[in-house]
C-alpha atoms as a PDB file:
ATOM      1  CA  MET A   1     -16.391  13.053  18.687  1.00  0.00           C
ATOM      2  CA  VAL A   2     -15.189  10.902  15.801  1.00  0.00           C
ATOM      3  CA  LEU A   3     -14.571   7.153  15.775  1.00  0.00           C
ATOM      4  CA  LEU A   4     -12.139   6.895  12.896  1.00  0.00           C
ATOM      5  CA  SER A   5     -11.184   3.743  10.999  1.00  0.00           C
ATOM      6  CA  ALA A   6      -7.512   3.782  10.021  1.00  0.00           C
ATOM      7  CA  GLY A   7      -7.657   0.673   7.853  1.00  0.00           C
ATOM      8  CA  PRO A   8      -5.228  -2.271   7.954  1.00  0.00           C
ATOM      9  CA  GLY A   9      -2.047  -0.204   8.101  1.00  0.00           C
ATOM     10  CA  ASP A  10      -1.316   1.259   4.682  1.00  0.00           C
ATOM     11  CA  LEU A  11      -2.089   4.946   5.141  1.00  0.00           C
ATOM     12  CA  GLU A  12      -2.927   5.253   1.442  1.00  0.00           C
ATOM     13  CA  LEU A  13      -6.071   3.247   2.214  1.00  0.00           C
ATOM     14  CA  LEU A  14      -7.437   6.029   4.430  1.00  0.00           C
ATOM     15  CA  THR A  15     -10.584   7.642   3.088  1.00  0.00           C
ATOM     16  CA  LEU A  16     -10.719  11.338   2.255  1.00  0.00           C
ATOM     17  CA  LYS A  17     -13.220  11.756   5.096  1.00  0.00           C
ATOM     18  CA  ALA A  18     -10.709  10.209   7.508  1.00  0.00           C
ATOM     19  CA  VAL A  19      -7.945  12.540   6.354  1.00  0.00           C
ATOM     20  CA  ARG A  20     -10.186  15.592   6.857  1.00  0.00           C
ATOM     21  CA  ALA A  21     -11.109  14.456  10.364  1.00  0.00           C
ATOM     22  CA  LEU A  22      -7.438  13.984  11.239  1.00  0.00           C
ATOM     23  CA  GLU A  23      -6.519  17.439   9.920  1.00  0.00           C
ATOM     24  CA  GLN A  24      -9.161  18.982  12.192  1.00  0.00           C
ATOM     25  CA  ALA A  25      -8.413  16.867  15.283  1.00  0.00           C
ATOM     26  CA  GLU A  26      -7.328  18.547  18.505  1.00  0.00           C
ATOM     27  CA  VAL A  27      -7.027  15.323  20.514  1.00  0.00           C
ATOM     28  CA  LEU A  28      -6.012  12.007  18.960  1.00  0.00           C
ATOM     29  CA  LEU A  29      -6.512   8.722  20.836  1.00  0.00           C
ATOM     30  CA  LEU A  30      -4.345   6.270  18.938  1.00  0.00           C
ATOM     31  CA  ASP A  31      -4.871   2.506  18.819  1.00  0.00           C
ATOM     32  CA  GLU A  32      -1.947   0.055  19.045  1.00  0.00           C
ATOM     33  CA  LEU A  33      -2.222  -1.421  15.536  1.00  0.00           C
ATOM     34  CA  VAL A  34      -2.384   1.906  13.696  1.00  0.00           C
ATOM     35  CA  ASP A  35       0.651   3.090  11.705  1.00  0.00           C
ATOM     36  CA  PRO A  36       2.332   5.659  14.014  1.00  0.00           C
ATOM     37  CA  ALA A  37       2.976   7.890  10.986  1.00  0.00           C
ATOM     38  CA  ILE A  38      -0.734   8.733  10.973  1.00  0.00           C
ATOM     39  CA  VAL A  39       0.000  11.480  13.503  1.00  0.00           C
ATOM     40  CA  GLU A  40       1.611  13.473  10.685  1.00  0.00           C
ATOM     41  CA  LEU A  41      -1.883  13.931   9.256  1.00  0.00           C
ATOM     42  CA  ALA A  42      -3.055  15.502  12.536  1.00  0.00           C
ATOM     43  CA  PRO A  43      -0.536  18.354  12.976  1.00  0.00           C
ATOM     44  CA  GLN A  44      -2.481  20.266  15.625  1.00  0.00           C
ATOM     45  CA  ALA A  45      -3.577  17.312  17.757  1.00  0.00           C
ATOM     46  CA  ARG A  46      -2.427  16.221  21.178  1.00  0.00           C
ATOM     47  CA  VAL A  47      -1.642  12.510  20.742  1.00  0.00           C
ATOM     48  CA  LEU A  48      -2.608   9.973  23.408  1.00  0.00           C
ATOM     49  CA  ARG A  49      -1.532   6.378  22.787  1.00  0.00           C
ATOM     50  CA  VAL A  50      -4.168   4.035  24.174  1.00  0.00           C
ATOM     51  CA  GLY A  51      -3.007   0.736  22.746  1.00  0.00           C
ATOM     52  CA  LYS A  52      -4.697  -2.611  23.310  1.00  0.00           C
ATOM     53  CA  ARG A  53      -3.032  -5.847  22.208  1.00  0.00           C
ATOM     54  CA  GLY A  54      -3.639  -9.411  23.318  1.00  0.00           C
ATOM     55  CA  GLY A  55      -1.041 -10.841  25.691  1.00  0.00           C
ATOM     56  CA  CYS A  56       0.453  -7.413  26.439  1.00  0.00           C
ATOM     57  CA  ARG A  57      -0.187  -4.685  28.945  1.00  0.00           C
ATOM     58  CA  SER A  58      -3.077  -2.667  27.545  1.00  0.00           C
ATOM     59  CA  THR A  59      -4.892   0.555  28.320  1.00  0.00           C
ATOM     60  CA  PRO A  60      -8.122  -0.344  30.188  1.00  0.00           C
ATOM     61  CA  GLN A  61     -11.250   0.188  28.100  1.00  0.00           C
ATOM     62  CA  ALA A  62     -13.006   2.113  30.876  1.00  0.00           C
ATOM     63  CA  PHE A  63     -10.090   4.569  31.019  1.00  0.00           C
ATOM     64  CA  ILE A  64     -10.239   5.113  27.253  1.00  0.00           C
ATOM     65  CA  CYS A  65     -13.953   5.869  27.470  1.00  0.00           C
ATOM     66  CA  ARG A  66     -13.400   8.390  30.258  1.00  0.00           C
ATOM     67  CA  LEU A  67     -10.664  10.115  28.258  1.00  0.00           C
ATOM     68  CA  MET A  68     -12.943  10.494  25.249  1.00  0.00           C
ATOM     69  CA  ARG A  69     -15.746  11.856  27.394  1.00  0.00           C
ATOM     70  CA  ARG A  70     -13.458  14.287  29.248  1.00  0.00           C
ATOM     71  CA  TYR A  71     -12.003  15.925  26.153  1.00  0.00           C
ATOM     72  CA  ALA A  72     -15.241  15.884  24.162  1.00  0.00           C
ATOM     73  CA  LEU A  73     -17.123  17.634  26.972  1.00  0.00           C
ATOM     74  CA  GLN A  74     -14.398  20.284  26.968  1.00  0.00           C
ATOM     75  CA  GLY A  75     -15.515  21.122  23.447  1.00  0.00           C
ATOM     76  CA  LEU A  76     -12.385  19.771  21.777  1.00  0.00           C
ATOM     77  CA  ARG A  77     -12.410  17.929  18.451  1.00  0.00           C
ATOM     78  CA  VAL A  78     -11.602  14.397  19.606  1.00  0.00           C
ATOM     79  CA  VAL A  79     -10.724  11.599  17.181  1.00  0.00           C
ATOM     80  CA  ARG A  80     -10.497   8.007  18.429  1.00  0.00           C
ATOM     81  CA  VAL A  81      -8.356   6.156  15.865  1.00  0.00           C
ATOM     82  CA  LYS A  82      -8.870   2.405  15.480  1.00  0.00           C
ATOM     83  CA  GLY A  83      -7.190  -0.069  13.166  1.00  0.00           C
ATOM     84  CA  GLY A  84      -9.200  -1.709  10.395  1.00  0.00           C
ATOM     85  CA  ASP A  85     -12.850  -0.714  10.489  1.00  0.00           C
ATOM     86  CA  ALA A  86     -13.919   0.758  13.814  1.00  0.00           C
ATOM     87  CA  LEU A  87     -17.227  -1.121  13.796  1.00  0.00           C
ATOM     88  CA  LEU A  88     -15.659  -4.580  13.461  1.00  0.00           C
ATOM     89  CA  PHE A  89     -14.366  -6.159  16.696  1.00  0.00           C
ATOM     90  CA  GLY A  90     -13.111  -2.825  17.962  1.00  0.00           C
ATOM     91  CA  ARG A  91     -15.416  -2.358  20.975  1.00  0.00           C
ATOM     92  CA  ALA A  92     -16.992   0.541  19.135  1.00  0.00           C
ATOM     93  CA  GLY A  93     -20.430  -0.452  20.412  1.00  0.00           C
ATOM     94  CA  GLU A  94     -19.312   0.001  24.015  1.00  0.00           C
ATOM     95  CA  GLU A  95     -17.710   3.357  23.268  1.00  0.00           C
ATOM     96  CA  ILE A  96     -20.698   4.658  21.314  1.00  0.00           C
ATOM     97  CA  ALA A  97     -23.101   3.704  24.104  1.00  0.00           C
ATOM     98  CA  PHE A  98     -20.867   5.295  26.747  1.00  0.00           C
ATOM     99  CA  LEU A  99     -20.516   8.550  24.830  1.00  0.00           C
ATOM    100  CA  ARG A 100     -24.200   8.802  23.974  1.00  0.00           C
ATOM    101  CA  GLU A 101     -25.102   8.313  27.620  1.00  0.00           C
ATOM    102  CA  ALA A 102     -22.790  11.217  28.410  1.00  0.00           C
ATOM    103  CA  GLY A 103     -24.532  13.366  25.803  1.00  0.00           C
ATOM    104  CA  VAL A 104     -21.590  13.296  23.381  1.00  0.00           C
ATOM    105  CA  PRO A 105     -22.597  12.994  19.697  1.00  0.00           C
ATOM    106  CA  VAL A 106     -20.557  10.427  17.783  1.00  0.00           C
ATOM    107  CA  ARG A 107     -19.615  10.429  14.109  1.00  0.00           C
ATOM    108  CA  ILE A 108     -18.229   7.253  12.551  1.00  0.00           C
ATOM    109  CA  VAL A 109     -15.756   7.110   9.677  1.00  0.00           C
ATOM    110  CA  ASN A 110     -15.528   3.684   8.055  1.00  0.00           C
ATOM    111  CA  GLY A 111     -12.370   2.060   6.743  1.00  0.00           C
ATOM    112  CA  VAL A 112     -10.892  -1.063   5.131  1.00  0.00           C
ATOM    113  CA  SER A 113     -10.909  -4.075   7.423  1.00  0.00           C
ATOM    114  CA  ALA A 114      -7.993  -6.509   7.619  1.00  0.00           C
ATOM    115  CA  ALA A 115      -9.897  -9.348   5.939  1.00  0.00           C
ATOM    116  CA  PHE A 116     -10.396  -7.294   2.797  1.00  0.00           C
ATOM    117  CA  ALA A 117      -6.778  -6.161   2.761  1.00  0.00           C
ATOM    118  CA  ALA A 118      -5.732  -9.795   3.169  1.00  0.00           C
ATOM    119  CA  ALA A 119      -7.977 -10.862   0.296  1.00  0.00           C
ATOM    120  CA  ALA A 120      -6.501  -8.146  -1.914  1.00  0.00           C
ATOM    121  CA  SER A 121      -3.011  -9.339  -1.073  1.00  0.00           C
ATOM    122  CA  LEU A 122      -3.938 -12.923  -1.917  1.00  0.00           C
ATOM    123  CA  GLY A 123      -5.765 -11.875  -5.080  1.00  0.00           C
ATOM    124  CA  VAL A 124      -9.029 -13.603  -4.174  1.00  0.00           C
ATOM    125  CA  SER A 125     -12.670 -12.680  -3.789  1.00  0.00           C
ATOM    126  CA  LEU A 126     -13.997 -13.722  -0.395  1.00  0.00           C
ATOM    127  CA  THR A 127     -17.486 -14.015  -1.895  1.00  0.00           C
ATOM    128  CA  HIS A 128     -16.624 -15.828  -5.128  1.00  0.00           C
ATOM    129  CA  ARG A 129     -19.998 -17.208  -6.188  1.00  0.00           C
ATOM    130  CA  GLY A 130     -18.388 -20.369  -7.497  1.00  0.00           C
ATOM    131  CA  HIS A 131     -17.220 -21.278  -4.008  1.00  0.00           C
ATOM    132  CA  CYS A 132     -19.515 -19.750  -1.393  1.00  0.00           C
ATOM    133  CA  HIS A 133     -22.606 -17.639  -0.856  1.00  0.00           C
ATOM    134  CA  GLY A 134     -21.323 -15.212   1.729  1.00  0.00           C
ATOM    135  CA  LEU A 135     -18.716 -14.067   4.207  1.00  0.00           C
ATOM    136  CA  THR A 136     -18.777 -14.491   7.979  1.00  0.00           C
ATOM    137  CA  PHE A 137     -16.683 -12.343  10.301  1.00  0.00           C
ATOM    138  CA  VAL A 138     -15.914 -14.058  13.591  1.00  0.00           C
ATOM    139  CA  THR A 139     -13.656 -13.445  16.558  1.00  0.00           C
ATOM    140  CA  ALA A 140     -11.817 -16.351  18.140  1.00  0.00           C
ATOM    141  CA  HIS A 141     -12.496 -14.861  21.563  1.00  0.00           C
ATOM    142  CA  THR A 142     -16.079 -14.769  22.832  1.00  0.00           C
ATOM    143  CA  ALA A 143     -17.128 -12.407  25.622  1.00  0.00           C
ATOM    144  CA  ASP A 144     -16.970 -15.245  28.168  1.00  0.00           C
ATOM    145  CA  HIS A 145     -13.501 -16.320  26.921  1.00  0.00           C
ATOM    146  CA  GLY A 146     -14.945 -19.412  25.285  1.00  0.00           C
ATOM    147  CA  GLU A 147     -14.827 -20.413  21.630  1.00  0.00           C
ATOM    148  CA  PRO A 148     -17.325 -19.819  18.829  1.00  0.00           C
ATOM    149  CA  ASP A 149     -19.633 -22.609  17.702  1.00  0.00           C
ATOM    150  CA  TRP A 150     -17.371 -23.973  14.977  1.00  0.00           C
ATOM    151  CA  GLU A 151     -19.967 -26.514  13.880  1.00  0.00           C
ATOM    152  CA  ALA A 152     -22.564 -23.804  13.262  1.00  0.00           C
ATOM    153  CA  LEU A 153     -20.005 -21.671  11.432  1.00  0.00           C
ATOM    154  CA  ALA A 154     -18.897 -24.584   9.267  1.00  0.00           C
ATOM    155  CA  ARG A 155     -22.506 -25.222   8.269  1.00  0.00           C
ATOM    156  CA  THR A 156     -22.964 -21.693   6.922  1.00  0.00           C
ATOM    157  CA  GLY A 157     -21.076 -22.505   3.722  1.00  0.00           C
ATOM    158  CA  THR A 158     -19.463 -19.072   3.851  1.00  0.00           C
ATOM    159  CA  THR A 159     -15.880 -17.909   3.839  1.00  0.00           C
ATOM    160  CA  LEU A 160     -14.766 -17.501   7.447  1.00  0.00           C
ATOM    161  CA  ALA A 161     -12.696 -14.447   8.333  1.00  0.00           C
ATOM    162  CA  ILE A 162     -11.380 -15.129  11.815  1.00  0.00           C
ATOM    163  CA  TYR A 163      -9.933 -12.262  13.819  1.00  0.00           C
ATOM    164  CA  MET A 164      -7.744 -12.372  16.965  1.00  0.00           C
ATOM    165  CA  GLY A 165      -7.121 -16.066  16.520  1.00  0.00           C
ATOM    166  CA  MET A 166      -3.365 -16.470  16.179  1.00  0.00           C
ATOM    167  CA  GLY A 167      -2.947 -17.444  19.818  1.00  0.00           C
ATOM    168  CA  ARG A 168      -5.614 -20.116  19.412  1.00  0.00           C
ATOM    169  CA  LEU A 169      -4.727 -21.380  15.971  1.00  0.00           C
ATOM    170  CA  GLU A 170      -4.386 -25.034  16.920  1.00  0.00           C
ATOM    171  CA  SER A 171      -7.726 -24.994  18.725  1.00  0.00           C
ATOM    172  CA  ILE A 172      -9.401 -23.226  15.784  1.00  0.00           C
ATOM    173  CA  CYS A 173      -8.051 -25.716  13.255  1.00  0.00           C
ATOM    174  CA  ALA A 174      -9.056 -28.654  15.448  1.00  0.00           C
ATOM    175  CA  GLY A 175     -12.562 -27.258  15.894  1.00  0.00           C
ATOM    176  CA  LEU A 176     -13.061 -26.639  12.182  1.00  0.00           C
ATOM    177  CA  ARG A 177     -11.560 -29.975  11.093  1.00  0.00           C
ATOM    178  CA  ARG A 178     -14.305 -31.745  13.008  1.00  0.00           C
ATOM    179  CA  HIS A 179     -16.858 -30.212  10.645  1.00  0.00           C
ATOM    180  CA  LEU A 180     -14.965 -29.300   7.442  1.00  0.00           C
ATOM    181  CA  ARG A 181     -12.846 -31.368   5.087  1.00  0.00           C
ATOM    182  CA  GLY A 182      -9.144 -31.334   5.842  1.00  0.00           C
ATOM    183  CA  ASP A 183      -8.410 -30.139   2.297  1.00  0.00           C
ATOM    184  CA  THR A 184     -10.510 -26.973   2.760  1.00  0.00           C
ATOM    185  CA  PRO A 185      -8.372 -24.034   1.537  1.00  0.00           C
ATOM    186  CA  ALA A 186      -7.118 -21.619   4.181  1.00  0.00           C
ATOM    187  CA  ALA A 187      -4.714 -18.730   4.614  1.00  0.00           C
ATOM    188  CA  ILE A 188      -3.212 -16.432   7.212  1.00  0.00           C
ATOM    189  CA  VAL A 189      -2.127 -12.875   6.495  1.00  0.00           C
ATOM    190  CA  GLN A 190      -0.204 -10.792   9.023  1.00  0.00           C
ATOM    191  CA  ALA A 191       0.220  -7.028   8.675  1.00  0.00           C
ATOM    192  CA  ALA A 192      -1.965  -7.019   5.561  1.00  0.00           C
ATOM    193  CA  SER A 193      -1.161  -4.113   3.198  1.00  0.00           C
ATOM    194  CA  GLN A 194       1.947  -3.137   5.169  1.00  0.00           C
ATOM    195  CA  ARG A 195       5.624  -3.397   4.240  1.00  0.00           C
ATOM    196  CA  GLY A 196       6.146  -6.184   6.737  1.00  0.00           C
ATOM    197  CA  GLU A 197       3.244  -8.260   5.444  1.00  0.00           C
ATOM    198  CA  GLN A 198       3.606 -12.021   5.825  1.00  0.00           C
ATOM    199  CA  ARG A 199       1.217 -14.659   4.487  1.00  0.00           C
ATOM    200  CA  VAL A 200       0.834 -18.384   4.127  1.00  0.00           C
ATOM    201  CA  VAL A 201      -1.711 -20.416   2.196  1.00  0.00           C
ATOM    202  CA  ALA A 202      -2.477 -24.060   2.904  1.00  0.00           C
ATOM    203  CA  THR A 203      -5.264 -26.495   3.558  1.00  0.00           C
ATOM    204  CA  LEU A 204      -6.995 -26.697   6.908  1.00  0.00           C
ATOM    205  CA  ASP A 205      -4.944 -29.809   7.699  1.00  0.00           C
ATOM    206  CA  GLY A 206      -1.671 -28.019   7.000  1.00  0.00           C
ATOM    207  CA  LEU A 207      -2.411 -24.544   8.293  1.00  0.00           C
ATOM    208  CA  CYS A 208      -0.765 -24.900  11.715  1.00  0.00           C
ATOM    209  CA  ALA A 209       2.431 -26.258  10.193  1.00  0.00           C
ATOM    210  CA  ALA A 210       2.479 -23.466   7.612  1.00  0.00           C
ATOM    211  CA  ALA A 211       1.916 -20.864  10.326  1.00  0.00           C
ATOM    212  CA  ALA A 212       5.100 -21.990  12.066  1.00  0.00           C
ATOM    213  CA  THR A 213       7.020 -20.010   9.427  1.00  0.00           C
ATOM    214  CA  LEU A 214       5.328 -16.745  10.445  1.00  0.00           C
ATOM    215  CA  PRO A 215       6.695 -14.264  13.002  1.00  0.00           C
ATOM    216  CA  PRO A 216       5.538 -15.452  16.457  1.00  0.00           C
ATOM    217  CA  GLY A 217       3.164 -13.250  18.421  1.00  0.00           C
ATOM    218  CA  ALA A 218       2.151 -11.056  15.501  1.00  0.00           C
ATOM    219  CA  PRO A 219      -1.589 -10.548  14.936  1.00  0.00           C
ATOM    220  CA  GLY A 220      -3.116 -11.811  11.719  1.00  0.00           C
ATOM    221  CA  VAL A 221      -6.394 -12.632  10.031  1.00  0.00           C
ATOM    222  CA  ILE A 222      -7.251 -16.268   9.332  1.00  0.00           C
ATOM    223  CA  LEU A 223      -9.301 -17.026   6.217  1.00  0.00           C
ATOM    224  CA  VAL A 224     -10.965 -20.403   5.654  1.00  0.00           C
ATOM    225  CA  GLY A 225     -13.161 -21.595   2.792  1.00  0.00           C
ATOM    226  CA  GLY A 226     -13.420 -22.545  -0.856  1.00  0.00           C
ATOM    227  CA  SER A 227     -12.908 -18.949  -1.955  1.00  0.00           C
ATOM    228  CA  LEU A 228      -9.221 -19.386  -1.006  1.00  0.00           C
ATOM    229  CA  ALA A 229      -8.805 -22.167  -3.588  1.00  0.00           C
ATOM    230  CA  GLU A 230      -7.271 -19.871  -6.202  1.00  0.00           C
ATOM    231  CA  ALA A 231      -4.718 -18.611  -3.683  1.00  0.00           C
ATOM    232  CA  VAL A 232      -3.738 -22.157  -2.757  1.00  0.00           C
ATOM    233  CA  ALA A 233      -3.455 -23.129  -6.432  1.00  0.00           C
ATOM    234  CA  ALA A 234      -1.373 -20.053  -7.238  1.00  0.00           C
ATOM    235  CA  ASP A 235       0.950 -20.798  -4.337  1.00  0.00           C
ATOM    236  CA  ALA A 236       1.400 -24.383  -5.458  1.00  0.00           C
ATOM    237  CA  ALA A 237       2.216 -23.211  -8.985  1.00  0.00           C
ATOM    238  CA  THR A 238       4.882 -20.764  -7.797  1.00  0.00           C
ATOM    239  CA  PRO A 239       8.327 -22.337  -8.303  1.00  0.00           C
ATOM    240  CA  SER A 240      10.513 -22.569  -5.236  1.00  0.00           C
ATOM    241  CA  LEU A 241      13.705 -20.566  -5.210  1.00  0.00           C
ATOM    242  CA  PRO A 242      16.727 -22.694  -6.096  1.00  0.00           C
ATOM    243  CA  GLN A 243      18.925 -23.777  -3.225  1.00  0.00           C
ATOM    244  CA  ALA A 244      22.287 -22.088  -3.049  1.00  0.00           C
ATOM    245  CA  ALA A 245      25.177 -24.384  -3.954  1.00  0.00           C
ATOM    246  CA  SER A 246      27.246 -25.466  -0.982  1.00  0.00           C
ATOM    247  CA  CYS A 247      30.944 -24.729  -0.896  1.00  0.00           C
ATOM    248  CA  ALA A 248      32.530 -28.050  -0.001  1.00  0.00           C
END
């Protein structure tokens, strides 16, 4: 049984180990945010789409676990494909525990997470030593449906990479503004590394307004911290496109 990380969407970011696992797969359990073209790399696999996306009808996690167990215990080469890195906010811990309890050995193939693809798109280092001393990954949704401790996160002095937060953007910005300066650099990148990528850079004070220009309902990664300063400066230095002359 393989838990495979498909990366942020660009299939060229797959590792060689991932490609080999796909070529050998007999059953493919495909996550919602994975490029559908990935199935072309698994020519002999039966493909089961087990998508999960916030605000939409999703495949229950318990059902996904039972599917993996069923096919793995049949002796088939099962590959569970997850977007980004499988070990980061992908419920991999639950799936690993379930499979191990069933006596199914699990192999994990790492991949590029969305925050790193977003940073590459913006041309910034999320751990620039001139701005911060680390990087903190956080989900906007806690297990009890509450919010993270924004004060504690603000005190870390790290770049914050916030996942699954687009539906709570106003609340996130309000929580962080209570503990960070309003001119703290920030950015949002949707569909990082993909053809349809969209991104905005702003300050914490202006992030919600900037996000209004993005496609509604699309997932994205939110980045906050001094390491985004170069991206904000580069955006400010980019000349606006000239307005088309009106035909009076």
